[in-house]
Amino acid sequence: MAVVELDTASFESTIQDSDFVIVDFWAPWCGPCRSFAPVYEKVSEDFDDVVFAKVNTEEHQQIAAHFQIRSIPTLMIFREQIIIFSQAGALPEGSFRDLLSKAKELDMAEVKRQIAEQQESQQA
């Protein structure tokens, strides 16, 4: 699957309409971002059921601010509209593939149950 560039208009709809989205927050002036881009592109070709997206933090500062992106590159994984991973720093290809495999294996019903429990305990 090709990597898609997200903007303010397409970001929310992409997250809402897709069960599994990984977002690379980057900027053109960022050396590590440019180094990681070929790895991101290569790995995207092997995961047809995952949306690989990029957000240029220079052009879309409001998205970066909303997610409190302080360092780039930052990878963020959404499963069923829930952020299950967010970390700054480029990953080697093997580590990136392992991360995606683990994210795919995550039991989202259990994640949602834990979120519900946490929300209930905060309201009590």
PDB file of N, CA and C in Angstrom:
ATOM      1  N   MET A   1       0.848  -1.179   0.000  1.00  0.00           N
ATOM      2  CA  MET A   1       0.000   0.000   0.000  1.00  0.00           C
ATOM      3  C   MET A   1       0.891   1.238   0.000  1.00  0.00           C
ATOM      4  N   ALA A   2       0.492   2.223  -0.765  1.00  0.00           N
ATOM      5  CA  ALA A   2       1.254   3.462  -0.826  1.00  0.00           C
ATOM      6  C   ALA A   2       1.096   4.250   0.470  1.00  0.00           C
ATOM      7  N   VAL A   3       2.123   5.005   0.804  1.00  0.00           N
ATOM      8  CA  VAL A   3       2.078   5.882   1.969  1.00  0.00           C
ATOM      9  C   VAL A   3       1.256   7.116   1.590  1.00  0.00           C
ATOM     10  N   VAL A   4       0.333   7.498   2.472  1.00  0.00           N
ATOM     11  CA  VAL A   4      -0.522   8.656   2.200  1.00  0.00           C
ATOM     12  C   VAL A   4      -0.093   9.837   3.062  1.00  0.00           C
ATOM     13  N   GLU A   5      -0.140  11.022   2.461  1.00  0.00           N
ATOM     14  CA  GLU A   5       0.129  12.261   3.188  1.00  0.00           C
ATOM     15  C   GLU A   5      -1.186  12.747   3.790  1.00  0.00           C
ATOM     16  N   LEU A   6      -1.182  13.023   5.077  1.00  0.00           N
ATOM     17  CA  LEU A   6      -2.394  13.505   5.732  1.00  0.00           C
ATOM     18  C   LEU A   6      -2.313  15.004   5.982  1.00  0.00           C
ATOM     19  N   ASP A   7      -3.471  15.648   5.899  1.00  0.00           N
ATOM     20  CA  ASP A   7      -3.586  17.053   6.270  1.00  0.00           C
ATOM     21  C   ASP A   7      -4.724  17.164   7.277  1.00  0.00           C
ATOM     22  N   THR A   8      -5.048  18.374   7.657  1.00  0.00           N
ATOM     23  CA  THR A   8      -6.080  18.572   8.673  1.00  0.00           C
ATOM     24  C   THR A   8      -7.407  17.951   8.241  1.00  0.00           C
ATOM     25  N   ALA A   9      -7.747  18.087   6.979  1.00  0.00           N
ATOM     26  CA  ALA A   9      -9.026  17.566   6.484  1.00  0.00           C
ATOM     27  C   ALA A   9      -9.049  16.043   6.441  1.00  0.00           C
ATOM     28  N   SER A  10      -7.953  15.415   6.047  1.00  0.00           N
ATOM     29  CA  SER A  10      -7.959  13.959   5.866  1.00  0.00           C
ATOM     30  C   SER A  10      -7.543  13.175   7.105  1.00  0.00           C
ATOM     31  N   PHE A  11      -6.930  13.828   8.080  1.00  0.00           N
ATOM     32  CA  PHE A  11      -6.427  13.097   9.244  1.00  0.00           C
ATOM     33  C   PHE A  11      -7.555  12.373   9.975  1.00  0.00           C
ATOM     34  N   GLU A  12      -8.567  13.113  10.391  1.00  0.00           N
ATOM     35  CA  GLU A  12      -9.635  12.517  11.195  1.00  0.00           C
ATOM     36  C   GLU A  12     -10.375  11.428  10.427  1.00  0.00           C
ATOM     37  N   SER A  13     -10.687  11.673   9.167  1.00  0.00           N
ATOM     38  CA  SER A  13     -11.428  10.666   8.399  1.00  0.00           C
ATOM     39  C   SER A  13     -10.596   9.403   8.207  1.00  0.00           C
ATOM     40  N   THR A  14      -9.299   9.550   8.027  1.00  0.00           N
ATOM     41  CA  THR A  14      -8.434   8.375   7.876  1.00  0.00           C
ATOM     42  C   THR A  14      -8.441   7.539   9.149  1.00  0.00           C
ATOM     43  N   ILE A  15      -8.332   8.174  10.292  1.00  0.00           N
ATOM     44  CA  ILE A  15      -8.336   7.454  11.574  1.00  0.00           C
ATOM     45  C   ILE A  15      -9.704   6.810  11.809  1.00  0.00           C
ATOM     46  N   GLN A  16     -10.781   7.520  11.507  1.00  0.00           N
ATOM     47  CA  GLN A  16     -12.139   7.009  11.739  1.00  0.00           C
ATOM     48  C   GLN A  16     -12.490   5.855  10.797  1.00  0.00           C
ATOM     49  N   ASP A  17     -12.012   5.923   9.555  1.00  0.00           N
ATOM     50  CA  ASP A  17     -12.427   4.963   8.527  1.00  0.00           C
ATOM     51  C   ASP A  17     -11.521   3.745   8.423  1.00  0.00           C
ATOM     52  N   SER A  18     -10.444   3.698   9.181  1.00  0.00           N
ATOM     53  CA  SER A  18      -9.474   2.607   9.074  1.00  0.00           C
ATOM     54  C   SER A  18      -9.237   1.986  10.440  1.00  0.00           C
ATOM     55  N   ASP A  19      -9.175   0.655  10.490  1.00  0.00           N
ATOM     56  CA  ASP A  19      -8.972  -0.036  11.762  1.00  0.00           C
ATOM     57  C   ASP A  19      -7.530   0.021  12.252  1.00  0.00           C
ATOM     58  N   PHE A  20      -6.574   0.192  11.337  1.00  0.00           N
ATOM     59  CA  PHE A  20      -5.160   0.136  11.712  1.00  0.00           C
ATOM     60  C   PHE A  20      -4.419   1.192  10.897  1.00  0.00           C
ATOM     61  N   VAL A  21      -3.945   2.222  11.594  1.00  0.00           N
ATOM     62  CA  VAL A  21      -3.230   3.319  10.929  1.00  0.00           C
ATOM     63  C   VAL A  21      -1.943   3.592  11.696  1.00  0.00           C
ATOM     64  N   ILE A  22      -0.845   3.709  10.972  1.00  0.00           N
ATOM     65  CA  ILE A  22       0.401   4.154  11.584  1.00  0.00           C
ATOM     66  C   ILE A  22       0.764   5.491  10.950  1.00  0.00           C
ATOM     67  N   VAL A  23       1.090   6.456  11.803  1.00  0.00           N
ATOM     68  CA  VAL A  23       1.385   7.810  11.337  1.00  0.00           C
ATOM     69  C   VAL A  23       2.832   8.146  11.679  1.00  0.00           C
ATOM     70  N   ASP A  24       3.531   8.619  10.669  1.00  0.00           N
ATOM     71  CA  ASP A  24       4.906   9.104  10.825  1.00  0.00           C
ATOM     72  C   ASP A  24       4.847  10.629  10.815  1.00  0.00           C
ATOM     73  N   PHE A  25       5.120  11.241  11.962  1.00  0.00           N
ATOM     74  CA  PHE A  25       5.211  12.698  12.052  1.00  0.00           C
ATOM     75  C   PHE A  25       6.647  13.070  11.703  1.00  0.00           C
ATOM     76  N   TRP A  26       6.828  13.924  10.706  1.00  0.00           N
ATOM     77  CA  TRP A  26       8.155  14.229  10.176  1.00  0.00           C
ATOM     78  C   TRP A  26       8.218  15.685   9.703  1.00  0.00           C
ATOM     79  N   ALA A  27       9.413  16.101   9.281  1.00  0.00           N
ATOM     80  CA  ALA A  27       9.612  17.420   8.665  1.00  0.00           C
ATOM     81  C   ALA A  27      10.735  17.306   7.642  1.00  0.00           C
ATOM     82  N   PRO A  28      10.672  18.108   6.592  1.00  0.00           N
ATOM     83  CA  PRO A  28      11.682  18.021   5.527  1.00  0.00           C
ATOM     84  C   PRO A  28      13.113  18.305   5.991  1.00  0.00           C
ATOM     85  N   TRP A  29      13.282  19.141   7.003  1.00  0.00           N
ATOM     86  CA  TRP A  29      14.621  19.504   7.477  1.00  0.00           C
ATOM     87  C   TRP A  29      15.226  18.481   8.434  1.00  0.00           C
ATOM     88  N   CYS A  30      14.465  17.473   8.812  1.00  0.00           N
ATOM     89  CA  CYS A  30      14.869  16.499   9.832  1.00  0.00           C
ATOM     90  C   CYS A  30      15.658  15.345   9.207  1.00  0.00           C
ATOM     91  N   GLY A  31      16.955  15.280   9.524  1.00  0.00           N
ATOM     92  CA  GLY A  31      17.813  14.218   8.999  1.00  0.00           C
ATOM     93  C   GLY A  31      17.332  12.811   9.334  1.00  0.00           C
ATOM     94  N   PRO A  32      17.050  12.518  10.624  1.00  0.00           N
ATOM     95  CA  PRO A  32      16.560  11.181  10.963  1.00  0.00           C
ATOM     96  C   PRO A  32      15.231  10.844  10.257  1.00  0.00           C
ATOM     97  N   CYS A  33      14.397  11.854  10.028  1.00  0.00           N
ATOM     98  CA  CYS A  33      13.133  11.629   9.306  1.00  0.00           C
ATOM     99  C   CYS A  33      13.417  11.174   7.883  1.00  0.00           C
ATOM    100  N   ARG A  34      14.350  11.853   7.223  1.00  0.00           N
ATOM    101  CA  ARG A  34      14.704  11.499   5.841  1.00  0.00           C
ATOM    102  C   ARG A  34      15.355  10.120   5.788  1.00  0.00           C
ATOM    103  N   SER A  35      16.129   9.772   6.806  1.00  0.00           N
ATOM    104  CA  SER A  35      16.766   8.448   6.844  1.00  0.00           C
ATOM    105  C   SER A  35      15.744   7.333   7.052  1.00  0.00           C
ATOM    106  N   PHE A  36      14.700   7.622   7.844  1.00  0.00           N
ATOM    107  CA  PHE A  36      13.694   6.611   8.152  1.00  0.00           C
ATOM    108  C   PHE A  36      12.687   6.434   7.006  1.00  0.00           C
ATOM    109  N   ALA A  37      12.497   7.450   6.181  1.00  0.00           N
ATOM    110  CA  ALA A  37      11.474   7.409   5.124  1.00  0.00           C
ATOM    111  C   ALA A  37      11.576   6.181   4.216  1.00  0.00           C
ATOM    112  N   PRO A  38      12.763   5.783   3.728  1.00  0.00           N
ATOM    113  CA  PRO A  38      12.821   4.588   2.873  1.00  0.00           C
ATOM    114  C   PRO A  38      12.416   3.296   3.613  1.00  0.00           C
ATOM    115  N   VAL A  39      12.739   3.212   4.892  1.00  0.00           N
ATOM    116  CA  VAL A  39      12.338   2.055   5.697  1.00  0.00           C
ATOM    117  C   VAL A  39      10.814   2.020   5.812  1.00  0.00           C
ATOM    118  N   TYR A  40      10.230   3.161   6.098  1.00  0.00           N
ATOM    119  CA  TYR A  40       8.774   3.284   6.235  1.00  0.00           C
ATOM    120  C   TYR A  40       8.090   2.853   4.940  1.00  0.00           C
ATOM    121  N   GLU A  41       8.591   3.364   3.814  1.00  0.00           N
ATOM    122  CA  GLU A  41       8.032   3.017   2.499  1.00  0.00           C
ATOM    123  C   GLU A  41       8.158   1.520   2.229  1.00  0.00           C
ATOM    124  N   LYS A  42       9.327   0.961   2.498  1.00  0.00           N
ATOM    125  CA  LYS A  42       9.583  -0.463   2.223  1.00  0.00           C
ATOM    126  C   LYS A  42       8.662  -1.349   3.045  1.00  0.00           C
ATOM    127  N   VAL A  43       8.560  -1.077   4.335  1.00  0.00           N
ATOM    128  CA  VAL A  43       7.727  -1.898   5.217  1.00  0.00           C
ATOM    129  C   VAL A  43       6.249  -1.764   4.837  1.00  0.00           C
ATOM    130  N   SER A  44       5.840  -0.594   4.378  1.00  0.00           N
ATOM    131  CA  SER A  44       4.434  -0.385   4.013  1.00  0.00           C
ATOM    132  C   SER A  44       3.995  -1.339   2.907  1.00  0.00           C
ATOM    133  N   GLU A  45       4.923  -1.759   2.061  1.00  0.00           N
ATOM    134  CA  GLU A  45       4.603  -2.653   0.952  1.00  0.00           C
ATOM    135  C   GLU A  45       4.217  -4.047   1.422  1.00  0.00           C
ATOM    136  N   ASP A  46       4.585  -4.415   2.644  1.00  0.00           N
ATOM    137  CA  ASP A  46       4.332  -5.769   3.151  1.00  0.00           C
ATOM    138  C   ASP A  46       3.129  -5.853   4.091  1.00  0.00           C
ATOM    139  N   PHE A  47       2.472  -4.748   4.354  1.00  0.00           N
ATOM    140  CA  PHE A  47       1.326  -4.734   5.273  1.00  0.00           C
ATOM    141  C   PHE A  47       0.125  -4.099   4.559  1.00  0.00           C
ATOM    142  N   ASP A  48      -0.540  -4.883   3.714  1.00  0.00           N
ATOM    143  CA  ASP A  48      -1.645  -4.365   2.903  1.00  0.00           C
ATOM    144  C   ASP A  48      -2.839  -3.896   3.722  1.00  0.00           C
ATOM    145  N   ASP A  49      -3.003  -4.438   4.915  1.00  0.00           N
ATOM    146  CA  ASP A  49      -4.179  -4.117   5.723  1.00  0.00           C
ATOM    147  C   ASP A  49      -3.929  -2.968   6.707  1.00  0.00           C
ATOM    148  N   VAL A  50      -2.792  -2.302   6.580  1.00  0.00           N
ATOM    149  CA  VAL A  50      -2.438  -1.185   7.458  1.00  0.00           C
ATOM    150  C   VAL A  50      -2.316   0.076   6.602  1.00  0.00           C
ATOM    151  N   VAL A  51      -2.887   1.179   7.096  1.00  0.00           N
ATOM    152  CA  VAL A  51      -2.721   2.466   6.418  1.00  0.00           C
ATOM    153  C   VAL A  51      -1.440   3.103   6.957  1.00  0.00           C
ATOM    154  N   PHE A  52      -0.497   3.348   6.068  1.00  0.00           N
ATOM    155  CA  PHE A  52       0.746   4.036   6.416  1.00  0.00           C
ATOM    156  C   PHE A  52       0.578   5.491   5.995  1.00  0.00           C
ATOM    157  N   ALA A  53       0.649   6.387   6.970  1.00  0.00           N
ATOM    158  CA  ALA A  53       0.407   7.797   6.700  1.00  0.00           C
ATOM    159  C   ALA A  53       1.566   8.630   7.228  1.00  0.00           C
ATOM    160  N   LYS A  54       1.703   9.825   6.657  1.00  0.00           N
ATOM    161  CA  LYS A  54       2.732  10.773   7.087  1.00  0.00           C
ATOM    162  C   LYS A  54       2.075  12.121   7.319  1.00  0.00           C
ATOM    163  N   VAL A  55       2.570  12.825   8.342  1.00  0.00           N
ATOM    164  CA  VAL A  55       2.133  14.191   8.601  1.00  0.00           C
ATOM    165  C   VAL A  55       3.377  15.067   8.640  1.00  0.00           C
ATOM    166  N   ASN A  56       3.426  16.024   7.718  1.00  0.00           N
ATOM    167  CA  ASN A  56       4.510  16.990   7.692  1.00  0.00           C
ATOM    168  C   ASN A  56       4.220  18.016   8.791  1.00  0.00           C
ATOM    169  N   THR A  57       5.015  17.983   9.847  1.00  0.00           N
ATOM    170  CA  THR A  57       4.754  18.838  11.013  1.00  0.00           C
ATOM    171  C   THR A  57       4.996  20.322  10.719  1.00  0.00           C
ATOM    172  N   GLU A  58       5.733  20.629   9.668  1.00  0.00           N
ATOM    173  CA  GLU A  58       5.933  22.031   9.277  1.00  0.00           C
ATOM    174  C   GLU A  58       4.656  22.587   8.647  1.00  0.00           C
ATOM    175  N   GLU A  59       4.035  21.784   7.796  1.00  0.00           N
ATOM    176  CA  GLU A  59       2.838  22.233   7.087  1.00  0.00           C
ATOM    177  C   GLU A  59       1.567  22.096   7.931  1.00  0.00           C
ATOM    178  N   HIS A  60       1.573  21.155   8.854  1.00  0.00           N
ATOM    179  CA  HIS A  60       0.359  20.866   9.628  1.00  0.00           C
ATOM    180  C   HIS A  60       0.667  20.919  11.128  1.00  0.00           C
ATOM    181  N   GLN A  61       1.063  22.109  11.560  1.00  0.00           N
ATOM    182  CA  GLN A  61       1.467  22.299  12.947  1.00  0.00           C
ATOM    183  C   GLN A  61       0.324  22.057  13.924  1.00  0.00           C
ATOM    184  N   GLN A  62      -0.916  22.301  13.511  1.00  0.00           N
ATOM    185  CA  GLN A  62      -2.051  22.101  14.407  1.00  0.00           C
ATOM    186  C   GLN A  62      -2.236  20.622  14.752  1.00  0.00           C
ATOM    187  N   ILE A  63      -1.966  19.720  13.797  1.00  0.00           N
ATOM    188  CA  ILE A  63      -2.066  18.288  14.089  1.00  0.00           C
ATOM    189  C   ILE A  63      -0.953  17.895  15.062  1.00  0.00           C
ATOM    190  N   ALA A  64       0.254  18.346  14.780  1.00  0.00           N
ATOM    191  CA  ALA A  64       1.387  18.036  15.661  1.00  0.00           C
ATOM    192  C   ALA A  64       1.140  18.576  17.068  1.00  0.00           C
ATOM    193  N   ALA A  65       0.591  19.769  17.161  1.00  0.00           N
ATOM    194  CA  ALA A  65       0.312  20.362  18.475  1.00  0.00           C
ATOM    195  C   ALA A  65      -0.769  19.561  19.205  1.00  0.00           C
ATOM    196  N   HIS A  66      -1.796  19.146  18.481  1.00  0.00           N
ATOM    197  CA  HIS A  66      -2.884  18.372  19.097  1.00  0.00           C
ATOM    198  C   HIS A  66      -2.350  17.096  19.757  1.00  0.00           C
ATOM    199  N   PHE A  67      -1.400  16.435  19.089  1.00  0.00           N
ATOM    200  CA  PHE A  67      -0.839  15.187  19.626  1.00  0.00           C
ATOM    201  C   PHE A  67       0.433  15.416  20.428  1.00  0.00           C
ATOM    202  N   GLN A  68       0.737  16.675  20.711  1.00  0.00           N
ATOM    203  CA  GLN A  68       1.893  17.060  21.527  1.00  0.00           C
ATOM    204  C   GLN A  68       3.197  16.440  21.021  1.00  0.00           C
ATOM    205  N   ILE A  69       3.398  16.542  19.714  1.00  0.00           N
ATOM    206  CA  ILE A  69       4.620  16.034  19.106  1.00  0.00           C
ATOM    207  C   ILE A  69       5.745  17.012  19.435  1.00  0.00           C
ATOM    208  N   ARG A  70       6.740  16.538  20.160  1.00  0.00           N
ATOM    209  CA  ARG A  70       7.860  17.377  20.596  1.00  0.00           C
ATOM    210  C   ARG A  70       9.164  17.029  19.879  1.00  0.00           C
ATOM    211  N   SER A  71       9.258  15.785  19.398  1.00  0.00           N
ATOM    212  CA  SER A  71      10.453  15.320  18.689  1.00  0.00           C
ATOM    213  C   SER A  71       9.998  14.592  17.435  1.00  0.00           C
ATOM    214  N   ILE A  72      10.809  14.699  16.398  1.00  0.00           N
ATOM    215  CA  ILE A  72      10.492  13.966  15.185  1.00  0.00           C
ATOM    216  C   ILE A  72      11.735  13.214  14.727  1.00  0.00           C
ATOM    217  N   PRO A  73      11.560  12.095  14.066  1.00  0.00           N
ATOM    218  CA  PRO A  73      10.276  11.502  13.736  1.00  0.00           C
ATOM    219  C   PRO A  73       9.584  10.932  14.978  1.00  0.00           C
ATOM    220  N   THR A  74       8.277  10.952  14.948  1.00  0.00           N
ATOM    221  CA  THR A  74       7.468  10.272  15.961  1.00  0.00           C
ATOM    222  C   THR A  74       6.521   9.339  15.230  1.00  0.00           C
ATOM    223  N   LEU A  75       6.472   8.096  15.698  1.00  0.00           N
ATOM    224  CA  LEU A  75       5.521   7.119  15.155  1.00  0.00           C
ATOM    225  C   LEU A  75       4.357   6.983  16.119  1.00  0.00           C
ATOM    226  N   MET A  76       3.159   6.949  15.565  1.00  0.00           N
ATOM    227  CA  MET A  76       1.956   6.779  16.366  1.00  0.00           C
ATOM    228  C   MET A  76       1.097   5.717  15.670  1.00  0.00           C
ATOM    229  N   ILE A  77       0.650   4.729  16.447  1.00  0.00           N
ATOM    230  CA  ILE A  77      -0.199   3.671  15.891  1.00  0.00           C
ATOM    231  C   ILE A  77      -1.592   3.789  16.480  1.00  0.00           C
ATOM    232  N   PHE A  78      -2.577   3.798  15.597  1.00  0.00           N
ATOM    233  CA  PHE A  78      -3.989   3.799  15.973  1.00  0.00           C
ATOM    234  C   PHE A  78      -4.583   2.447  15.585  1.00  0.00           C
ATOM    235  N   ARG A  79      -5.264   1.811  16.547  1.00  0.00           N
ATOM    236  CA  ARG A  79      -6.062   0.621  16.245  1.00  0.00           C
ATOM    237  C   ARG A  79      -7.470   0.939  16.700  1.00  0.00           C
ATOM    238  N   GLU A  80      -8.420   0.833  15.774  1.00  0.00           N
ATOM    239  CA  GLU A  80      -9.825   1.101  16.078  1.00  0.00           C
ATOM    240  C   GLU A  80      -9.978   2.445  16.791  1.00  0.00           C
ATOM    241  N   GLN A  81      -9.319   3.457  16.267  1.00  0.00           N
ATOM    242  CA  GLN A  81      -9.354   4.850  16.725  1.00  0.00           C
ATOM    243  C   GLN A  81      -8.710   5.066  18.097  1.00  0.00           C
ATOM    244  N   ILE A  82      -7.966   4.097  18.597  1.00  0.00           N
ATOM    245  CA  ILE A  82      -7.296   4.209  19.891  1.00  0.00           C
ATOM    246  C   ILE A  82      -5.785   4.246  19.648  1.00  0.00           C
ATOM    247  N   ILE A  83      -5.116   5.212  20.280  1.00  0.00           N
ATOM    248  CA  ILE A  83      -3.659   5.264  20.172  1.00  0.00           C
ATOM    249  C   ILE A  83      -3.086   4.149  21.042  1.00  0.00           C
ATOM    250  N   ILE A  84      -2.415   3.197  20.395  1.00  0.00           N
ATOM    251  CA  ILE A  84      -1.830   2.087  21.158  1.00  0.00           C
ATOM    252  C   ILE A  84      -0.313   2.198  21.256  1.00  0.00           C
ATOM    253  N   PHE A  85       0.278   3.152  20.506  1.00  0.00           N
ATOM    254  CA  PHE A  85       1.725   3.326  20.534  1.00  0.00           C
ATOM    255  C   PHE A  85       2.052   4.732  20.091  1.00  0.00           C
ATOM    256  N   SER A  86       2.980   5.361  20.779  1.00  0.00           N
ATOM    257  CA  SER A  86       3.487   6.662  20.373  1.00  0.00           C
ATOM    258  C   SER A  86       4.902   6.795  20.908  1.00  0.00           C
ATOM    259  N   GLN A  87       5.847   6.974  19.980  1.00  0.00           N
ATOM    260  CA  GLN A  87       7.239   7.066  20.412  1.00  0.00           C
ATOM    261  C   GLN A  87       8.046   7.866  19.395  1.00  0.00           C
ATOM    262  N   ALA A  88       8.890   8.732  19.907  1.00  0.00           N
ATOM    263  CA  ALA A  88       9.791   9.494  19.050  1.00  0.00           C
ATOM    264  C   ALA A  88      11.000   8.640  18.705  1.00  0.00           C
ATOM    265  N   GLY A  89      11.545   8.885  17.518  1.00  0.00           N
ATOM    266  CA  GLY A  89      12.762   8.207  17.100  1.00  0.00           C
ATOM    267  C   GLY A  89      12.528   7.265  15.940  1.00  0.00           C
ATOM    268  N   ALA A  90      13.500   7.207  15.058  1.00  0.00           N
ATOM    269  CA  ALA A  90      13.450   6.293  13.928  1.00  0.00           C
ATOM    270  C   ALA A  90      13.789   4.887  14.402  1.00  0.00           C
ATOM    271  N   LEU A  91      13.164   3.899  13.797  1.00  0.00           N
ATOM    272  CA  LEU A  91      13.415   2.506  14.152  1.00  0.00           C
ATOM    273  C   LEU A  91      14.138   1.796  13.016  1.00  0.00           C
ATOM    274  N   PRO A  92      15.025   0.865  13.349  1.00  0.00           N
ATOM    275  CA  PRO A  92      15.594   0.013  12.306  1.00  0.00           C
ATOM    276  C   PRO A  92      14.472  -0.849  11.716  1.00  0.00           C
ATOM    277  N   GLU A  93      14.650  -1.296  10.499  1.00  0.00           N
ATOM    278  CA  GLU A  93      13.594  -2.040   9.810  1.00  0.00           C
ATOM    279  C   GLU A  93      13.086  -3.233  10.618  1.00  0.00           C
ATOM    280  N   GLY A  94      13.985  -4.037  11.176  1.00  0.00           N
ATOM    281  CA  GLY A  94      13.565  -5.219  11.934  1.00  0.00           C
ATOM    282  C   GLY A  94      12.708  -4.865  13.137  1.00  0.00           C
ATOM    283  N   SER A  95      13.108  -3.835  13.858  1.00  0.00           N
ATOM    284  CA  SER A  95      12.342  -3.393  15.034  1.00  0.00           C
ATOM    285  C   SER A  95      10.980  -2.847  14.623  1.00  0.00           C
ATOM    286  N   PHE A  96      10.939  -2.136  13.505  1.00  0.00           N
ATOM    287  CA  PHE A  96       9.686  -1.579  12.996  1.00  0.00           C
ATOM    288  C   PHE A  96       8.723  -2.707  12.621  1.00  0.00           C
ATOM    289  N   ARG A  97       9.240  -3.736  11.945  1.00  0.00           N
ATOM    290  CA  ARG A  97       8.395  -4.880  11.576  1.00  0.00           C
ATOM    291  C   ARG A  97       7.881  -5.603  12.829  1.00  0.00           C
ATOM    292  N   ASP A  98       8.746  -5.782  13.818  1.00  0.00           N
ATOM    293  CA  ASP A  98       8.334  -6.422  15.073  1.00  0.00           C
ATOM    294  C   ASP A  98       7.238  -5.611  15.757  1.00  0.00           C
ATOM    295  N   LEU A  99       7.399  -4.295  15.793  1.00  0.00           N
ATOM    296  CA  LEU A  99       6.405  -3.422  16.405  1.00  0.00           C
ATOM    297  C   LEU A  99       5.050  -3.590  15.725  1.00  0.00           C
ATOM    298  N   LEU A 100       5.034  -3.591  14.400  1.00  0.00           N
ATOM    299  CA  LEU A 100       3.778  -3.745  13.667  1.00  0.00           C
ATOM    300  C   LEU A 100       3.145  -5.108  13.911  1.00  0.00           C
ATOM    301  N   SER A 101       3.964  -6.153  13.959  1.00  0.00           N
ATOM    302  CA  SER A 101       3.428  -7.494  14.231  1.00  0.00           C
ATOM    303  C   SER A 101       2.790  -7.561  15.610  1.00  0.00           C
ATOM    304  N   LYS A 102       3.446  -6.979  16.603  1.00  0.00           N
ATOM    305  CA  LYS A 102       2.894  -6.971  17.961  1.00  0.00           C
ATOM    306  C   LYS A 102       1.617  -6.132  18.026  1.00  0.00           C
ATOM    307  N   ALA A 103       1.599  -5.022  17.312  1.00  0.00           N
ATOM    308  CA  ALA A 103       0.406  -4.170  17.293  1.00  0.00           C
ATOM    309  C   ALA A 103      -0.777  -4.899  16.658  1.00  0.00           C
ATOM    310  N   LYS A 104      -0.500  -5.710  15.631  1.00  0.00           N
ATOM    311  CA  LYS A 104      -1.564  -6.479  14.977  1.00  0.00           C
ATOM    312  C   LYS A 104      -2.125  -7.553  15.907  1.00  0.00           C
ATOM    313  N   GLU A 105      -1.268  -8.123  16.755  1.00  0.00           N
ATOM    314  CA  GLU A 105      -1.678  -9.211  17.643  1.00  0.00           C
ATOM    315  C   GLU A 105      -2.443  -8.718  18.867  1.00  0.00           C
ATOM    316  N   LEU A 106      -2.401  -7.436  19.120  1.00  0.00           N
ATOM    317  CA  LEU A 106      -3.032  -6.877  20.307  1.00  0.00           C
ATOM    318  C   LEU A 106      -4.534  -7.181  20.321  1.00  0.00           C
ATOM    319  N   ASP A 107      -5.021  -7.627  21.462  1.00  0.00           N
ATOM    320  CA  ASP A 107      -6.444  -7.931  21.639  1.00  0.00           C
ATOM    321  C   ASP A 107      -7.171  -6.622  21.942  1.00  0.00           C
ATOM    322  N   MET A 108      -7.821  -6.064  20.930  1.00  0.00           N
ATOM    323  CA  MET A 108      -8.455  -4.756  21.091  1.00  0.00           C
ATOM    324  C   MET A 108      -9.661  -4.817  22.026  1.00  0.00           C
ATOM    325  N   ALA A 109     -10.320  -5.955  22.119  1.00  0.00           N
ATOM    326  CA  ALA A 109     -11.428  -6.080  23.070  1.00  0.00           C
ATOM    327  C   ALA A 109     -10.899  -5.920  24.497  1.00  0.00           C
ATOM    328  N   GLU A 110      -9.737  -6.495  24.768  1.00  0.00           N
ATOM    329  CA  GLU A 110      -9.122  -6.369  26.091  1.00  0.00           C
ATOM    330  C   GLU A 110      -8.672  -4.928  26.335  1.00  0.00           C
ATOM    331  N   VAL A 111      -8.114  -4.285  25.316  1.00  0.00           N
ATOM    332  CA  VAL A 111      -7.690  -2.889  25.444  1.00  0.00           C
ATOM    333  C   VAL A 111      -8.898  -2.019  25.792  1.00  0.00           C
ATOM    334  N   LYS A 112      -9.995  -2.216  25.089  1.00  0.00           N
ATOM    335  CA  LYS A 112     -11.203  -1.417  25.339  1.00  0.00           C
ATOM    336  C   LYS A 112     -11.764  -1.692  26.733  1.00  0.00           C
ATOM    337  N   ARG A 113     -11.687  -2.944  27.185  1.00  0.00           N
ATOM    338  CA  ARG A 113     -12.148  -3.286  28.533  1.00  0.00           C
ATOM    339  C   ARG A 113     -11.307  -2.557  29.575  1.00  0.00           C
ATOM    340  N   GLN A 114      -9.996  -2.543  29.383  1.00  0.00           N
ATOM    341  CA  GLN A 114      -9.106  -1.863  30.325  1.00  0.00           C
ATOM    342  C   GLN A 114      -9.356  -0.358  30.337  1.00  0.00           C
ATOM    343  N   ILE A 115      -9.609   0.225  29.183  1.00  0.00           N
ATOM    344  CA  ILE A 115      -9.913   1.653  29.118  1.00  0.00           C
ATOM    345  C   ILE A 115     -11.206   1.945  29.868  1.00  0.00           C
ATOM    346  N   ALA A 116     -12.217   1.106  29.660  1.00  0.00           N
ATOM    347  CA  ALA A 116     -13.502   1.293  30.341  1.00  0.00           C
ATOM    348  C   ALA A 116     -13.326   1.189  31.854  1.00  0.00           C
ATOM    349  N   GLU A 117     -12.556   0.208  32.311  1.00  0.00           N
ATOM    350  CA  GLU A 117     -12.284   0.046  33.749  1.00  0.00           C
ATOM    351  C   GLU A 117     -11.589   1.282  34.316  1.00  0.00           C
ATOM    352  N   GLN A 118     -10.615   1.776  33.585  1.00  0.00           N
ATOM    353  CA  GLN A 118      -9.864   2.949  34.034  1.00  0.00           C
ATOM    354  C   GLN A 118     -10.782   4.165  34.117  1.00  0.00           C
ATOM    355  N   GLN A 119     -11.645   4.326  33.138  1.00  0.00           N
ATOM    356  CA  GLN A 119     -12.585   5.459  33.152  1.00  0.00           C
ATOM    357  C   GLN A 119     -13.567   5.344  34.318  1.00  0.00           C
ATOM    358  N   GLU A 120     -14.017   4.132  34.587  1.00  0.00           N
ATOM    359  CA  GLU A 120     -14.948   3.932  35.723  1.00  0.00           C
ATOM    360  C   GLU A 120     -14.271   4.261  37.048  1.00  0.00           C
ATOM    361  N   SER A 121     -13.033   3.826  37.217  1.00  0.00           N
ATOM    362  CA  SER A 121     -12.333   4.075  38.481  1.00  0.00           C
ATOM    363  C   SER A 121     -12.044   5.573  38.662  1.00  0.00           C
ATOM    364  N   GLN A 122     -11.847   6.301  37.571  1.00  0.00           N
ATOM    365  CA  GLN A 122     -11.600   7.735  37.654  1.00  0.00           C
ATOM    366  C   GLN A 122     -12.883   8.502  38.009  1.00  0.00           C
ATOM    367  N   GLN A 123     -14.032   7.952  37.627  1.00  0.00           N
ATOM    368  CA  GLN A 123     -15.298   8.597  37.917  1.00  0.00           C
ATOM    369  C   GLN A 123     -15.777   8.301  39.328  1.00  0.00           C
ATOM    370  N   ALA A 124     -15.289   7.222  39.906  1.00  0.00           N
ATOM    371  CA  ALA A 124     -15.748   6.817  41.247  1.00  0.00           C
ATOM    372  C   ALA A 124     -15.177   7.700  42.330  1.00  0.00           C
TER     373      ALA A 124
END
